[in-house]
Amino acid sequence: MEKEQNQNSEETEIKEVISENDEQKPNTEGVGEDDSKEKSPEEIILELEDKLARTFAEMENQRRRFEKEKEEAFEYGGFTLAKEALNLIDNLERSKQILQNDESLKNTEALKKMLDHFDIIYKDLISVFSRNNIKLIESLNKKLDPNLHQAMMEIEDDQKEPGTIVQEIQKGFTIKDRLLRPALVGVSKKTGNEDKKVVENKENLENK
């Protein structure tokens, strides 16, 4: 009886040892599959070359963007200042207009001298602007160009082709190849009588 108990005890110890060994045994499932998916040295090199090429391309794009921004800052850095400076031209012309409309100054020597001084200042300002690539937009008697002009009114004029600028309300300017401020203008249109004549001529032709 004692012998059987000893045998059963030994069997139990053996089972416990086997169980412990099974628990400690490393899991090798999928190891073969992972090994089979490992990239070859050639594939790794190609992947690295592709990443490097992409990195260099992005760096080159950034360099070009920075160069463009630097050039624009240099070329057009004074854009806001130039636009503000146009107020000098506007105020000068308004002052000149006020003096010319002043009845107490009309036909006086004082008015003539003041207007002469205004013209000198105006020409100096235009000269300064021109040296800094700020150009006056030619408007009068030109065809309306939406890129340079902004039509504020239509004026009946049968002597001009429709869309011709016949009045300049505010001068426009460009800076280098950019529009600094559009010229505000009035453009010509045919009179109502002219339209009536066209209709009458059309009716006469139809009746013939």
Protein backbone atom coordinates (compact mmCIF):
# COMPACT_ATOMS: atom_id res chain seq x y z
CA MET A 1 0.00 0.00 0.00
CA GLU A 2 2.78 2.35 0.93
CA LYS A 3 4.56 1.41 -2.28
CA GLU A 4 1.53 2.37 -4.38
CA GLN A 5 1.26 5.74 -2.66
CA ASN A 6 4.92 6.47 -3.36
CA GLN A 7 4.41 5.58 -7.02
CA ASN A 8 1.38 7.84 -7.31
CA SER A 9 3.33 10.67 -5.68
CA GLU A 10 6.19 10.27 -8.18
CA GLU A 11 3.74 10.30 -11.12
CA THR A 12 2.16 13.51 -9.80
CA GLU A 13 5.58 15.18 -9.52
CA ILE A 14 6.47 14.13 -13.08
CA LYS A 15 3.20 15.60 -14.42
CA GLU A 16 3.84 18.89 -12.60
CA VAL A 17 7.35 19.10 -14.09
CA ILE A 18 6.02 18.46 -17.60
CA SER A 19 3.34 21.11 -17.09
CA GLU A 20 5.92 23.65 -15.95
CA ASN A 21 8.12 22.88 -18.95
CA ASP A 22 5.16 23.41 -21.29
CA GLU A 23 4.45 26.80 -19.73
CA GLN A 24 8.09 27.92 -20.02
CA LYS A 25 8.44 26.70 -23.57
CA PRO A 26 8.67 29.76 -25.93
CA ASN A 27 5.87 30.29 -28.43
CA THR A 28 7.33 29.67 -31.89
CA GLU A 29 4.07 30.01 -33.78
CA GLY A 30 4.42 32.31 -36.76
CA VAL A 31 8.21 32.58 -36.47
CA GLY A 32 8.67 30.90 -39.76
CA GLU A 33 6.08 33.19 -41.33
CA ASP A 34 7.83 36.38 -40.03
CA ASP A 35 11.18 35.12 -41.25
CA SER A 36 9.72 34.54 -44.69
CA LYS A 37 8.49 38.17 -44.79
CA GLU A 38 11.84 39.77 -44.02
CA LYS A 39 13.05 42.12 -46.79
CA SER A 40 16.15 41.40 -48.76
CA PRO A 41 19.11 43.81 -48.53
CA GLU A 42 18.40 44.96 -52.09
CA GLU A 43 14.79 45.82 -51.20
CA ILE A 44 15.91 47.71 -48.09
CA ILE A 45 18.45 49.71 -50.13
CA LEU A 46 15.83 50.59 -52.75
CA GLU A 47 13.41 51.70 -50.03
CA LEU A 48 16.08 53.88 -48.41
CA GLU A 49 17.02 55.39 -51.79
CA ASP A 50 13.36 56.24 -52.40
CA LYS A 51 13.02 57.91 -48.99
CA LEU A 52 16.20 59.90 -49.59
CA ALA A 53 15.01 61.01 -53.01
CA ARG A 54 11.69 62.17 -51.54
CA THR A 55 13.47 64.02 -48.73
CA PHE A 56 15.82 65.80 -51.14
CA ALA A 57 12.88 66.74 -53.40
CA GLU A 58 10.99 68.25 -50.48
CA MET A 59 14.08 70.15 -49.35
CA GLU A 60 14.53 71.53 -52.88
CA ASN A 61 10.88 72.62 -53.02
CA GLN A 62 11.24 74.41 -49.70
CA ARG A 63 14.42 76.11 -50.88
CA ARG A 64 12.65 77.37 -54.00
CA ARG A 65 9.70 78.64 -51.95
CA PHE A 66 12.05 80.50 -49.61
CA GLU A 67 13.92 82.01 -52.59
CA LYS A 68 10.64 83.15 -54.16
CA GLU A 69 9.42 84.67 -50.89
CA LYS A 70 12.76 86.45 -50.44
CA GLU A 71 12.63 87.86 -53.98
CA GLU A 72 9.04 89.02 -53.55
CA ALA A 73 9.89 90.63 -50.21
CA PHE A 74 12.72 92.49 -51.91
CA GLU A 75 10.75 93.42 -55.03
CA TYR A 76 7.43 94.29 -53.40
CA GLY A 77 8.36 94.98 -49.78
CA GLY A 78 7.39 98.64 -50.22
CA PHE A 79 3.98 97.82 -51.73
CA THR A 80 1.99 99.06 -48.72
CA LEU A 81 4.15 102.16 -48.31
CA ALA A 82 3.80 102.97 -52.02
CA LYS A 83 0.03 102.58 -51.85
CA GLU A 84 -0.15 104.94 -48.86
CA ALA A 85 2.08 107.44 -50.64
CA LEU A 86 -0.52 107.77 -53.41
CA ASN A 87 -2.59 109.77 -50.93
CA LEU A 88 -0.08 112.58 -51.46
CA ILE A 89 -1.00 112.70 -55.14
CA ASP A 90 -4.73 112.61 -54.34
CA ASN A 91 -4.50 115.37 -51.72
CA LEU A 92 -2.38 117.51 -54.00
CA GLU A 93 -4.93 117.28 -56.82
CA ARG A 94 -7.85 117.95 -54.46
CA SER A 95 -6.12 121.04 -53.09
CA LYS A 96 -5.42 122.25 -56.60
CA GLN A 97 -9.07 121.72 -57.57
CA ILE A 98 -10.30 123.63 -54.51
CA LEU A 99 -8.06 126.60 -55.32
CA GLN A 100 -9.15 126.64 -58.95
CA ASN A 101 -12.81 126.72 -57.90
CA ASP A 102 -12.30 129.50 -55.38
CA GLU A 103 -14.05 132.57 -56.86
CA SER A 104 -11.97 134.98 -54.78
CA LEU A 105 -8.73 133.64 -56.30
CA LYS A 106 -9.74 133.31 -59.93
CA ASN A 107 -7.54 135.17 -62.41
CA THR A 108 -5.17 136.33 -59.67
CA GLU A 109 -1.38 136.23 -59.69
CA ALA A 110 -1.40 134.47 -56.33
CA LEU A 111 -3.44 131.57 -57.76
CA LYS A 112 -1.13 131.26 -60.74
CA LYS A 113 1.94 131.04 -58.51
CA MET A 114 0.32 128.47 -56.21
CA LEU A 115 -0.74 126.30 -59.14
CA ASP A 116 2.76 126.51 -60.59
CA HIS A 117 4.20 125.31 -57.27
CA PHE A 118 1.65 122.50 -57.13
CA ASP A 119 2.65 121.39 -60.63
CA ILE A 120 6.35 121.32 -59.61
CA ILE A 121 5.56 119.22 -56.51
CA TYR A 122 3.35 116.89 -58.58
CA LYS A 123 6.08 116.35 -61.19
CA ASP A 124 8.64 115.68 -58.45
CA LEU A 125 6.38 113.08 -56.85
CA ILE A 126 5.77 111.34 -60.16
CA SER A 127 9.53 111.36 -60.80
CA VAL A 128 10.25 109.81 -57.39
CA PHE A 129 7.59 107.17 -58.00
CA SER A 130 8.97 106.41 -61.45
CA ARG A 131 12.50 105.87 -60.10
CA ASN A 132 11.02 103.32 -57.71
CA ASN A 133 9.15 101.47 -60.49
CA ILE A 134 5.78 103.04 -59.65
CA LYS A 135 4.23 103.99 -62.96
CA LEU A 136 1.20 106.14 -63.77
CA ILE A 137 -1.51 104.29 -65.73
CA GLU A 138 -2.43 106.03 -68.97
CA SER A 139 -6.20 106.35 -69.13
CA LEU A 140 -7.69 109.20 -71.16
CA ASN A 141 -8.74 108.21 -74.69
CA LYS A 142 -7.71 104.62 -74.02
CA LYS A 143 -10.01 101.61 -74.27
CA LEU A 144 -11.21 100.37 -70.90
CA ASP A 145 -8.92 97.63 -69.58
CA PRO A 146 -10.45 95.78 -66.58
CA ASN A 147 -6.92 94.88 -65.46
CA LEU A 148 -5.98 98.54 -65.08
CA HIS A 149 -9.19 100.59 -65.00
CA GLN A 150 -12.38 100.58 -62.98
CA ALA A 151 -15.38 102.16 -64.70
CA MET A 152 -17.36 104.36 -62.32
CA MET A 153 -19.80 105.94 -64.79
CA GLU A 154 -20.90 106.06 -68.41
CA ILE A 155 -20.86 109.34 -70.31
CA GLU A 156 -22.81 109.86 -73.52
CA ASP A 157 -20.42 110.71 -76.34
CA ASP A 158 -21.10 109.95 -79.99
CA GLN A 159 -17.61 111.10 -80.98
CA LYS A 160 -15.89 108.23 -79.15
CA GLU A 161 -16.13 104.51 -79.53
CA PRO A 162 -18.20 102.95 -76.70
CA GLY A 163 -15.95 101.91 -73.83
CA THR A 164 -13.40 104.67 -74.46
CA ILE A 165 -12.18 106.46 -71.33
CA VAL A 166 -13.25 110.09 -71.50
CA GLN A 167 -12.83 111.09 -67.85
CA GLU A 168 -10.32 110.22 -65.15
CA ILE A 169 -11.74 110.42 -61.63
CA GLN A 170 -8.72 109.05 -59.79
CA LYS A 171 -5.29 108.19 -61.18
CA GLY A 172 -4.13 104.59 -61.17
CA PHE A 173 -0.63 103.21 -60.67
CA THR A 174 1.34 100.01 -61.12
CA ILE A 175 4.42 98.83 -59.24
CA LYS A 176 6.68 96.72 -61.44
CA ASP A 177 4.32 94.14 -62.98
CA ARG A 178 1.61 94.45 -60.32
CA LEU A 179 -1.41 96.70 -60.06
CA LEU A 180 -0.95 99.12 -57.19
CA ARG A 181 -4.28 100.88 -57.66
CA PRO A 182 -6.73 100.86 -60.58
CA ALA A 183 -7.62 104.12 -62.29
CA LEU A 184 -11.20 105.19 -61.60
CA VAL A 185 -12.67 106.38 -64.88
CA GLY A 186 -15.74 107.36 -66.84
CA VAL A 187 -16.31 105.65 -70.19
CA SER A 188 -18.18 106.73 -73.27
CA LYS A 189 -21.44 105.31 -74.53
CA LYS A 190 -23.71 106.16 -77.44
CA THR A 191 -26.54 108.61 -76.82
CA GLY A 192 -30.21 107.61 -76.92
CA ASN A 193 -30.61 109.48 -80.22
CA GLU A 194 -27.85 107.40 -81.77
CA ASP A 195 -29.59 104.20 -80.66
CA LYS A 196 -32.85 105.51 -82.14
CA LYS A 197 -31.11 106.18 -85.47
CA VAL A 198 -29.77 102.62 -85.54
CA VAL A 199 -33.27 101.23 -84.98
CA GLU A 200 -34.75 103.50 -87.68
CA ASN A 201 -32.06 102.52 -90.18
CA LYS A 202 -32.72 98.86 -89.42
CA GLU A 203 -36.46 99.31 -89.97
CA ASN A 204 -35.86 101.15 -93.26
CA LEU A 205 -33.69 98.32 -94.52
CA GLU A 206 -36.33 95.76 -93.61
CA ASN A 207 -39.05 97.74 -95.43
CA LYS A 208 -37.05 97.91 -98.66
